[in-house]
Amino acid sequence: MPTFYETDSSVYRPGMTWTRTSREILPFSPSALWAPLADFTRWPDWDPDLDRVELHGPAAVGTTGFLVPNGFRGRVHSRVAEPFTITSLIQHGEIAVRQPIPFGALEITLRLTEVGGGTEFVQEVTMGGPLRSVMVAIIGGDVVEHFDVKCARLAELAAAQADHDA
């Protein structure tokens, strides 16, 4: 099934938010995809925009951590960014994080929903605040643009785990 990018969900209000939702059906159960999603330190294994992820405690709502993007953005981010906070963690169902950005926030929600023949993987990215258009240009576009790569890598990780378990 081709990747579906829901661009009509974009919300624009001056000074408010920018939202993009991407979804794809992956031929695995939610539990098979959960392992690489729920292990935050493994996010760079499937997310091409990340160099590393650190958690400041066990994965739970309220736990903080640090996302380090690749390249120049990561070097800058490491020096100036505040930690992200896990805002939702529903086993085999949803992970959401909130990362402060200048005068606003980046929120990323990842959802797994079992559907016939696999799991619908949904990524919702929202940026809010008066500098959201600048932040979209710096990081938001890549987060959305690379969704197909994320899906392919998640599928590879799930397949490798299934082969290992067999």
Protein backbone atom coordinates (compact mmCIF):
# COMPACT_ATOMS: atom_id res chain seq x y z
CA MET A 1 0.00 0.00 0.00
CA PRO A 2 1.44 3.43 -0.87
CA THR A 3 2.28 5.93 1.82
CA PHE A 4 -0.51 8.40 2.49
CA TYR A 5 0.37 11.93 3.52
CA GLU A 6 -2.55 13.81 4.94
CA THR A 7 -1.72 17.37 3.96
CA ASP A 8 -5.29 18.57 4.47
CA SER A 9 -4.73 18.21 8.21
CA SER A 10 -2.38 21.18 8.12
CA VAL A 11 -3.65 23.78 10.52
CA TYR A 12 -2.55 27.34 10.00
CA ARG A 13 -3.45 30.15 12.29
CA PRO A 14 -1.10 33.11 12.58
CA GLY A 15 1.16 32.48 15.54
CA MET A 16 -0.39 29.12 16.30
CA THR A 17 0.35 25.70 14.78
CA TRP A 18 1.57 23.70 11.80
CA THR A 19 0.54 20.03 11.73
CA ARG A 20 1.31 17.18 9.34
CA THR A 21 0.03 13.62 9.62
CA SER A 22 1.60 10.72 7.71
CA ARG A 23 0.44 7.12 7.72
CA GLU A 24 1.33 3.79 6.21
CA ILE A 25 0.18 0.20 6.64
CA LEU A 26 3.05 -2.08 7.67
CA PRO A 27 2.68 -5.90 7.41
CA PHE A 28 3.44 -6.55 11.10
CA SER A 29 1.51 -6.66 14.34
CA PRO A 30 1.61 -3.65 16.68
CA SER A 31 3.68 -5.71 19.14
CA ALA A 32 6.33 -6.42 16.48
CA LEU A 33 6.68 -2.69 15.75
CA TRP A 34 6.49 -1.67 19.40
CA ALA A 35 9.96 -2.90 20.40
CA PRO A 36 11.95 -0.43 18.25
CA LEU A 37 9.46 2.37 18.98
CA ALA A 38 9.35 1.93 22.75
CA ASP A 39 13.14 1.70 23.07
CA PHE A 40 13.97 5.37 22.65
CA THR A 41 17.71 4.67 22.36
CA ARG A 42 16.91 2.66 19.19
CA TRP A 43 15.13 5.54 17.45
CA PRO A 44 18.22 6.35 15.35
CA ASP A 45 18.01 2.77 14.01
CA TRP A 46 14.80 3.70 12.18
CA ASP A 47 14.74 7.53 12.12
CA PRO A 48 17.24 8.92 9.59
CA ASP A 49 17.14 12.38 11.18
CA LEU A 50 18.48 11.30 14.58
CA ASP A 51 22.02 10.70 15.73
CA ARG A 52 21.07 9.59 19.25
CA VAL A 53 18.36 9.66 21.89
CA GLU A 54 18.95 9.65 25.63
CA LEU A 55 16.35 9.12 28.35
CA HIS A 56 16.72 10.54 31.85
CA GLY A 57 15.02 7.54 33.47
CA PRO A 58 12.74 4.66 32.54
CA ALA A 59 10.37 5.28 29.64
CA ALA A 60 7.18 6.62 31.23
CA VAL A 61 4.89 9.62 30.93
CA GLY A 62 6.75 12.57 32.39
CA THR A 63 10.24 11.18 31.76
CA THR A 64 12.53 13.62 30.00
CA GLY A 65 15.20 12.93 27.46
CA PHE A 66 17.34 14.41 24.78
CA LEU A 67 16.99 14.03 21.00
CA VAL A 68 20.14 14.77 19.01
CA PRO A 69 19.54 15.33 15.29
CA ASN A 70 22.19 14.44 12.71
CA GLY A 71 24.78 16.88 11.41
CA PHE A 72 24.99 20.60 12.06
CA ARG A 73 21.48 20.75 13.51
CA GLY A 74 22.51 18.19 16.12
CA ARG A 75 25.57 20.16 17.15
CA VAL A 76 23.47 23.30 17.61
CA HIS A 77 20.59 21.42 19.26
CA SER A 78 22.99 19.79 21.75
CA ARG A 79 24.10 23.21 22.96
CA VAL A 80 20.81 25.09 23.16
CA ALA A 81 17.83 22.75 23.35
CA GLU A 82 15.85 21.82 26.42
CA PRO A 83 14.95 18.17 27.06
CA PHE A 84 11.86 16.60 25.54
CA THR A 85 9.14 15.10 27.74
CA ILE A 86 7.22 11.89 27.11
CA THR A 87 3.57 12.96 27.12
CA SER A 88 1.92 9.66 26.16
CA LEU A 89 3.06 6.04 26.36
CA ILE A 90 0.40 3.42 25.67
CA GLN A 91 1.88 -0.06 25.20
CA HIS A 92 1.59 -1.27 21.59
CA GLY A 93 -0.46 1.84 20.80
CA GLU A 94 1.04 5.30 21.13
CA ILE A 95 4.12 7.31 22.02
CA ALA A 96 4.09 11.10 22.16
CA VAL A 97 6.88 13.52 23.03
CA ARG A 98 6.94 17.29 23.46
CA GLN A 99 10.17 19.13 22.63
CA PRO A 100 10.40 22.82 23.52
CA ILE A 101 11.47 25.01 20.61
CA PRO A 102 12.05 28.77 20.77
CA PHE A 103 8.77 30.33 21.98
CA GLY A 104 6.81 27.14 21.32
CA ALA A 105 6.95 23.37 21.07
CA LEU A 106 7.39 20.48 18.67
CA GLU A 107 5.07 17.57 19.40
CA ILE A 108 5.52 14.18 17.77
CA THR A 109 2.94 11.44 18.19
CA LEU A 110 3.49 7.91 16.87
CA ARG A 111 0.46 5.61 16.79
CA LEU A 112 0.05 1.92 16.01
CA THR A 113 -3.40 0.60 15.14
CA GLU A 114 -4.04 -2.98 14.13
CA VAL A 115 -5.80 -3.22 10.77
CA GLY A 116 -6.53 -6.11 8.43
CA GLY A 117 -3.19 -7.39 7.19
CA GLY A 118 -0.96 -5.43 9.54
CA THR A 119 -0.64 -2.21 11.47
CA GLU A 120 -1.35 1.36 10.53
CA PHE A 121 1.66 3.43 11.62
CA VAL A 122 0.75 7.11 12.03
CA GLN A 123 3.15 9.97 12.67
CA GLU A 124 1.68 13.34 13.62
CA VAL A 125 4.04 16.30 13.82
CA THR A 126 2.86 19.62 15.26
CA MET A 127 4.85 22.79 15.74
CA GLY A 128 3.43 25.75 17.57
CA GLY A 129 4.55 29.21 18.48
CA PRO A 130 5.47 32.41 16.70
CA LEU A 131 8.68 30.93 15.20
CA ARG A 132 7.00 27.76 13.96
CA SER A 133 7.57 28.65 10.28
CA VAL A 134 11.31 29.00 10.94
CA MET A 135 11.37 25.72 12.86
CA VAL A 136 9.39 23.99 10.11
CA ALA A 137 12.03 25.10 7.63
CA ILE A 138 14.85 23.89 9.89
CA ILE A 139 13.48 20.53 11.04
CA GLY A 140 9.79 20.02 10.34
CA GLY A 141 10.09 19.34 6.65
CA ASP A 142 12.63 16.55 7.17
CA VAL A 143 10.54 14.86 9.85
CA VAL A 144 7.65 14.62 7.37
CA GLU A 145 9.72 14.08 4.23
CA HIS A 146 11.57 11.06 5.61
CA PHE A 147 8.46 9.20 6.78
CA ASP A 148 8.81 6.58 4.04
CA VAL A 149 12.38 5.84 5.16
CA LYS A 150 11.20 5.50 8.77
CA CYS A 151 8.54 3.01 7.70
CA ALA A 152 10.99 0.95 5.65
CA ARG A 153 13.47 0.81 8.52
CA LEU A 154 10.78 -0.09 11.07
CA ALA A 155 9.67 -2.91 8.77
CA GLU A 156 13.27 -4.16 8.51
CA LEU A 157 13.65 -4.12 12.30
CA ALA A 158 10.34 -5.94 12.81
CA ALA A 159 11.28 -8.56 10.18
CA ALA A 160 14.71 -9.08 11.76
CA GLN A 161 13.11 -9.54 15.19
CA ALA A 162 10.60 -12.02 13.75
CA ASP A 163 13.46 -14.01 12.14
CA HIS A 164 15.36 -13.93 15.44
CA ASP A 165 12.32 -15.15 17.40
CA ALA A 166 11.59 -17.98 14.92
